[in-house]
Amino acid sequence: MNTGAKLATFALVVAASFGGAAAVGAAIGPVDVGDDDRSSHNASSGDDADRPRGLAVAEGGYRLSLESDTVGAGSPAQFSFRIVDDRGASVTEFQQLNDRPLHLIVLSRNLVDYLHLHPTIDATGRWTVDFPALEPGSYRVFADFEPNGADNLTLGSDITVPGNLQAGEIPHPSAASTVGEYHVTLSGTPRVGDTELSFTVELNGNAVLPEPYLGAAGHLVAIRTGDLAYLHVHPHQGDTTSGVTFTGEFPTAGAYRLFFDFSHNGEVHTAAFTVVVPVAASTDTSHDEGQ
C-alpha cells in the first residue's frame, strides 16, 4: 500500500475511533503542564518558533556531537555526547528546563520504542546516560536544551543498534492506550494549525490526576511520521481529573505519533498514540460567485 493510501486508511480509522473528537498530531517536545511560560520549554523567538525541530544536527550556532553513532544490542550501554558551539568548544552552562538542564528523547525509526532520559554533564561538557537494552534497528535521538544566553533548541541525530532488524509498522490510530493497569484516553479535534488535545488517565475505572513529574502534570512528545520532525505544544494551566490539556501547533496533514509521559504512585508511565491530522477543508468560494 502506498503512503497516500495508508494515510487515507488512517483517517478513516481515526474518524471511526474518535467518533468526531479525533486525534491530533505533530512532532512536539516535552512540555510542562501547569506552567504556561512559553519562553521556557520548547520556546524560541521569531520565525524559528514556528519551524519544526529536531531535523538538524546543528542550528543556532550549536551542534549535537555524538561520541559514537553505534550502540550495542542486547544489553544496557552508556551513551555519551556533547553540545558544541560554532567554534567546536563544548558548552558547559545550560538553563534548567523542567527541572533538568537537558532532555534526551530516543525513538526508534518505526516510532514504537521510546525513551525520555535525563543525562548528566561533567565539568568538561560531556553528557552521559545509561541506555537500557535496545532492539536492533535505527533510532533518532533528540537533545532539548537551552544554553545560557541562547534560545531553547532541539537538535537531532541518528544512531544504529546492529543486529537482525525486525520489521514493524506504525500502530493504527486509536483514541485509547493501555499502560499496565492504566487506561489513557485522548480527545481533541484534528486540524492543521492550533489544536487542543486532552489526556485522561484512569486506574480501575476511576479518573486520576497525575502526580508532579519534573515540575509538571505531564509531558508530551509528538513526532511527525516520515521526516520525524519534533514540533510544538503549549500547556494549559489548572488541569484536573478531567484531563491534562495541551494546545499543539500542527503544520501539515498526515500521521503522527504522540507520547504522553505521566507519573502516578511514584512511577513514570508513557501512553503512546498514533493520530492523523486530516487535510484542511478548502474555504475557496470563488466558484460560487454569480450563481
Protein backbone atom coordinates (compact mmCIF):
# COMPACT_ATOMS: atom_id res chain seq x y z
CA MET A 1 0.00 0.00 0.00
CA ASN A 2 1.45 3.40 -0.92
CA THR A 3 1.82 6.30 1.54
CA GLY A 4 -1.26 8.15 0.32
CA ALA A 5 -3.43 5.08 0.68
CA LYS A 6 -2.08 4.43 4.17
CA LEU A 7 -2.89 7.98 5.29
CA ALA A 8 -6.37 7.70 3.82
CA THR A 9 -6.87 4.46 5.76
CA PHE A 10 -5.53 6.13 8.92
CA ALA A 11 -8.01 8.99 8.53
CA LEU A 12 -10.96 6.62 8.21
CA VAL A 13 -9.87 4.65 11.27
CA VAL A 14 -9.38 7.83 13.29
CA ALA A 15 -12.82 9.14 12.37
CA ALA A 16 -14.41 5.89 13.49
CA SER A 17 -12.33 5.54 16.65
CA PHE A 18 -12.78 9.07 17.91
CA GLY A 19 -16.41 9.50 16.94
CA GLY A 20 -15.79 13.06 15.78
CA ALA A 21 -13.42 14.01 18.57
CA ALA A 22 -10.37 12.50 16.99
CA ALA A 23 -6.65 12.65 17.15
CA VAL A 24 -4.17 15.30 16.68
CA GLY A 25 -0.57 15.16 15.75
CA ALA A 26 2.67 16.90 15.18
CA ALA A 27 6.09 16.47 16.46
CA ILE A 28 6.31 18.13 19.81
CA GLY A 29 8.90 18.43 22.52
CA PRO A 30 8.49 17.51 26.18
CA VAL A 31 6.40 20.26 27.78
CA ASP A 32 5.14 21.36 31.15
CA VAL A 33 1.55 21.25 32.26
CA GLY A 34 0.77 23.90 34.83
CA ASP A 35 3.40 26.34 33.55
CA ASP A 36 2.29 28.44 30.60
CA ASP A 37 5.62 30.25 30.24
CA ARG A 38 6.28 29.82 26.54
CA SER A 39 9.73 31.35 26.89
CA SER A 40 10.99 28.22 28.64
CA HIS A 41 10.48 24.68 27.37
CA ASN A 42 10.20 24.43 23.58
CA ALA A 43 10.06 28.17 23.07
CA SER A 44 12.13 30.25 20.72
CA SER A 45 11.95 33.73 19.32
CA GLY A 46 10.85 34.98 15.93
CA ASP A 47 10.13 32.73 12.99
CA ASP A 48 12.24 29.92 14.48
CA ALA A 49 9.43 29.20 16.96
CA ASP A 50 7.17 28.10 14.09
CA ARG A 51 9.70 25.77 12.50
CA PRO A 52 9.74 22.00 13.15
CA ARG A 53 12.56 20.97 15.44
CA GLY A 54 14.88 18.01 15.56
CA LEU A 55 15.50 17.83 11.80
CA ALA A 56 19.04 19.22 12.02
CA VAL A 57 22.13 18.18 13.95
CA ALA A 58 23.25 21.82 14.14
CA GLU A 59 21.32 25.07 14.46
CA GLY A 60 21.62 28.50 16.04
CA GLY A 61 25.39 28.23 16.47
CA TYR A 62 25.26 24.85 18.30
CA ARG A 63 25.83 21.23 17.27
CA LEU A 64 24.92 17.87 18.79
CA SER A 65 28.18 15.89 18.73
CA LEU A 66 27.87 12.16 19.47
CA GLU A 67 30.88 10.16 20.70
CA SER A 68 29.55 7.21 18.71
CA ASP A 69 26.59 6.68 16.40
CA THR A 70 26.52 2.94 17.19
CA VAL A 71 25.11 1.33 20.34
CA GLY A 72 25.46 -2.37 21.13
CA ALA A 73 22.31 -4.52 21.16
CA GLY A 74 21.05 -6.86 23.86
CA SER A 75 22.48 -5.23 26.99
CA PRO A 76 22.49 -1.83 28.71
CA ALA A 77 25.07 0.62 27.37
CA GLN A 78 26.41 4.04 28.21
CA PHE A 79 25.74 6.79 25.65
CA SER A 80 27.80 9.98 25.54
CA PHE A 81 27.70 13.24 23.62
CA ARG A 82 28.49 16.94 23.75
CA ILE A 83 26.82 20.18 22.75
CA VAL A 84 29.46 22.25 20.97
CA ASP A 85 29.37 25.83 19.71
CA ASP A 86 30.31 27.04 16.25
CA ARG A 87 33.99 27.12 17.29
CA GLY A 88 33.86 23.46 18.32
CA ALA A 89 34.10 24.23 22.05
CA SER A 90 31.99 22.17 24.45
CA VAL A 91 29.15 24.08 26.10
CA THR A 92 29.04 23.63 29.88
CA GLU A 93 26.36 26.04 31.11
CA PHE A 94 22.64 25.49 30.49
CA GLN A 95 19.34 26.80 31.75
CA GLN A 96 17.02 24.49 33.69
CA LEU A 97 14.09 23.22 31.60
CA ASN A 98 11.50 21.36 33.67
CA ASP A 99 13.99 20.81 36.50
CA ARG A 100 16.67 19.47 34.14
CA PRO A 101 19.36 21.15 32.01
CA LEU A 102 18.77 18.76 29.09
CA HIS A 103 16.13 16.26 27.98
CA LEU A 104 17.12 13.40 25.68
CA ILE A 105 14.43 11.65 23.64
CA VAL A 106 15.32 8.35 21.97
CA LEU A 107 12.87 6.99 19.37
CA SER A 108 13.12 4.02 17.05
CA ARG A 109 12.63 4.75 13.36
CA ASN A 110 9.49 2.59 13.40
CA LEU A 111 8.14 5.08 16.00
CA VAL A 112 7.43 2.41 18.60
CA ASP A 113 10.33 2.26 21.08
CA TYR A 114 10.56 5.50 23.08
CA LEU A 115 12.75 6.76 25.92
CA HIS A 116 12.71 10.10 27.76
CA LEU A 117 16.04 10.36 29.58
CA HIS A 118 17.98 12.92 31.61
CA PRO A 119 21.75 12.69 31.08
CA THR A 120 24.29 14.15 33.47
CA ILE A 121 27.08 16.54 32.47
CA ASP A 122 30.65 16.71 33.77
CA ALA A 123 32.89 19.77 34.09
CA THR A 124 34.20 19.35 30.51
CA GLY A 125 30.71 19.43 28.94
CA ARG A 126 30.47 15.67 28.33
CA TRP A 127 26.95 14.30 28.77
CA THR A 128 26.41 10.63 29.71
CA VAL A 129 23.35 8.47 30.20
CA ASP A 130 22.68 4.75 30.52
CA PHE A 131 20.53 3.20 27.81
CA PRO A 132 18.54 0.06 28.58
CA ALA A 133 18.98 -2.87 26.20
CA LEU A 134 17.78 -1.75 22.76
CA GLU A 135 16.46 -3.87 19.92
CA PRO A 136 18.46 -3.82 16.67
CA GLY A 137 17.47 -1.00 14.36
CA SER A 138 17.84 2.69 13.61
CA TYR A 139 16.98 5.31 16.25
CA ARG A 140 16.66 9.09 16.32
CA VAL A 141 17.99 10.95 19.35
CA PHE A 142 16.71 14.45 20.17
CA ALA A 143 18.53 16.74 22.60
CA ASP A 144 16.29 19.51 24.02
CA PHE A 145 18.26 22.21 25.85
CA GLU A 146 18.87 25.93 26.32
CA PRO A 147 22.45 27.20 26.62
CA ASN A 148 22.92 30.20 28.88
CA GLY A 149 22.21 33.34 26.89
CA ALA A 150 20.74 31.48 23.89
CA ASP A 151 17.38 30.19 22.67
CA ASN A 152 15.88 26.82 23.50
CA LEU A 153 16.95 24.32 20.80
CA THR A 154 16.12 20.76 19.81
CA LEU A 155 18.84 19.04 17.79
CA GLY A 156 18.61 15.54 16.33
CA SER A 157 20.94 12.81 15.13
CA ASP A 158 20.70 9.13 14.19
CA ILE A 159 22.19 6.10 15.93
CA THR A 160 22.28 2.45 14.92
CA VAL A 161 21.91 -0.69 17.01
CA PRO A 162 23.44 -3.50 14.90
CA GLY A 163 21.72 -6.86 14.50
CA ASN A 164 18.83 -8.56 12.79
CA LEU A 165 16.21 -5.88 12.32
CA GLN A 166 12.61 -6.94 12.98
CA ALA A 167 10.34 -5.19 10.51
CA GLY A 168 7.42 -3.34 12.07
CA GLU A 169 4.69 -0.89 11.17
CA ILE A 170 3.31 2.10 12.99
CA PRO A 171 0.35 1.07 15.20
CA HIS A 172 -3.06 2.01 13.84
CA PRO A 173 -4.76 5.17 15.11
CA SER A 174 -6.69 4.94 18.36
CA ALA A 175 -8.07 7.30 20.99
CA ALA A 176 -7.11 4.91 23.82
CA SER A 177 -3.86 3.50 25.17
CA THR A 178 -3.31 0.90 27.90
CA VAL A 179 -0.18 1.20 30.03
CA GLY A 180 -0.05 -1.58 32.61
CA GLU A 181 -3.13 -1.04 34.81
CA TYR A 182 -3.74 2.45 33.45
CA HIS A 183 -6.15 3.39 30.67
CA VAL A 184 -5.41 6.70 28.94
CA THR A 185 -7.89 8.40 26.62
CA LEU A 186 -7.07 11.13 24.11
CA SER A 187 -9.67 13.64 22.93
CA GLY A 188 -9.37 16.55 20.53
CA THR A 189 -10.38 17.88 17.14
CA PRO A 190 -7.78 17.25 14.44
CA ARG A 191 -6.89 20.13 12.16
CA VAL A 192 -3.94 21.87 10.62
CA GLY A 193 -2.97 24.77 12.88
CA ASP A 194 -3.64 25.07 16.62
CA THR A 195 -5.40 22.03 18.09
CA GLU A 196 -6.41 21.41 21.68
CA LEU A 197 -5.96 17.86 22.97
CA SER A 198 -6.55 16.37 26.37
CA PHE A 199 -5.36 13.17 28.05
CA THR A 200 -7.46 11.50 30.75
CA VAL A 201 -5.83 8.85 32.95
CA GLU A 202 -7.93 6.15 34.63
CA LEU A 203 -7.00 3.46 37.14
CA ASN A 204 -9.53 0.72 37.88
CA GLY A 205 -12.19 2.76 36.09
CA ASN A 206 -11.58 5.92 38.12
CA ALA A 207 -10.03 9.09 36.69
CA VAL A 208 -6.82 10.10 38.46
CA LEU A 209 -4.74 13.28 38.38
CA PRO A 210 -1.10 12.56 37.52
CA GLU A 211 1.42 13.48 40.17
CA PRO A 212 4.01 16.22 39.62
CA TYR A 213 6.78 14.96 37.38
CA LEU A 214 9.73 17.27 36.72
CA GLY A 215 7.58 20.14 37.97
CA ALA A 216 4.67 19.33 35.66
CA ALA A 217 1.45 17.33 35.49
CA GLY A 218 2.60 15.69 32.29
CA HIS A 219 4.90 15.93 29.29
CA LEU A 220 4.05 15.44 25.64
CA VAL A 221 6.32 14.44 22.78
CA ALA A 222 4.93 14.12 19.28
CA ILE A 223 6.74 13.13 16.12
CA ARG A 224 5.59 13.57 12.54
CA THR A 225 5.97 10.37 10.54
CA GLY A 226 8.25 10.47 7.52
CA ASP A 227 10.75 13.18 8.49
CA LEU A 228 10.48 12.68 12.29
CA ALA A 229 10.01 16.40 12.86
CA TYR A 230 9.70 17.38 16.53
CA LEU A 231 7.19 20.21 16.82
CA HIS A 232 5.49 22.46 19.36
CA VAL A 233 2.81 22.31 22.04
CA HIS A 234 1.80 24.69 24.80
CA PRO A 235 0.44 23.50 28.16
CA HIS A 236 -2.77 24.62 29.82
CA GLN A 237 -2.99 25.57 33.48
CA GLY A 238 -5.37 24.23 36.10
CA ASP A 239 -5.66 20.65 34.85
CA THR A 240 -7.86 18.33 36.90
CA THR A 241 -9.01 14.72 36.71
CA SER A 242 -10.99 15.81 33.64
CA GLY A 243 -7.75 15.74 31.71
CA VAL A 244 -4.24 17.06 31.15
CA THR A 245 -4.59 19.52 28.27
CA PHE A 246 -2.22 20.92 25.65
CA THR A 247 -2.52 23.08 22.54
CA GLY A 248 -0.49 21.79 19.63
CA GLU A 249 0.64 23.69 16.54
CA PHE A 250 0.27 21.24 13.65
CA PRO A 251 1.72 22.48 10.36
CA THR A 252 0.63 19.74 7.96
CA ALA A 253 -1.86 16.96 7.40
CA GLY A 254 -0.58 13.44 7.98
CA ALA A 255 0.10 10.75 10.55
CA TYR A 256 1.88 11.42 13.85
CA ARG A 257 2.97 9.58 16.99
CA LEU A 258 2.22 11.07 20.41
CA PHE A 259 3.98 10.06 23.63
CA PHE A 260 2.35 11.28 26.85
CA ASP A 261 4.53 10.89 29.97
CA PHE A 262 2.76 10.95 33.34
CA SER A 263 3.57 9.95 36.90
CA HIS A 264 1.31 8.14 39.37
CA ASN A 265 2.04 6.21 42.56
CA GLY A 266 5.66 7.24 42.26
CA GLU A 267 6.26 5.72 38.82
CA VAL A 268 6.51 7.32 35.38
CA HIS A 269 4.43 5.81 32.57
CA THR A 270 4.19 6.57 28.85
CA ALA A 271 0.98 6.30 26.82
CA ALA A 272 1.55 6.18 23.05
CA PHE A 273 -0.93 7.06 20.30
CA THR A 274 -0.97 7.13 16.52
CA VAL A 275 -3.08 10.01 15.24
CA VAL A 276 -3.89 11.69 11.94
CA VAL A 277 -4.40 15.34 11.07
CA PRO A 278 -6.72 15.46 8.03
CA VAL A 279 -6.27 17.68 5.02
CA ALA A 280 -7.74 21.12 5.73
CA ALA A 281 -11.06 21.78 4.00
CA SER A 282 -10.92 24.42 1.28
CA THR A 283 -12.57 27.75 2.05
CA ASP A 284 -12.43 29.00 -1.56
CA THR A 285 -15.94 30.15 -2.57
CA SER A 286 -14.93 31.96 -5.74
CA HIS A 287 -16.66 29.36 -7.92
CA ASP A 288 -20.00 30.15 -6.27
CA GLU A 289 -19.93 33.84 -7.09
CA GLY A 290 -22.54 34.99 -9.61
CA GLN A 291 -24.50 31.72 -9.41
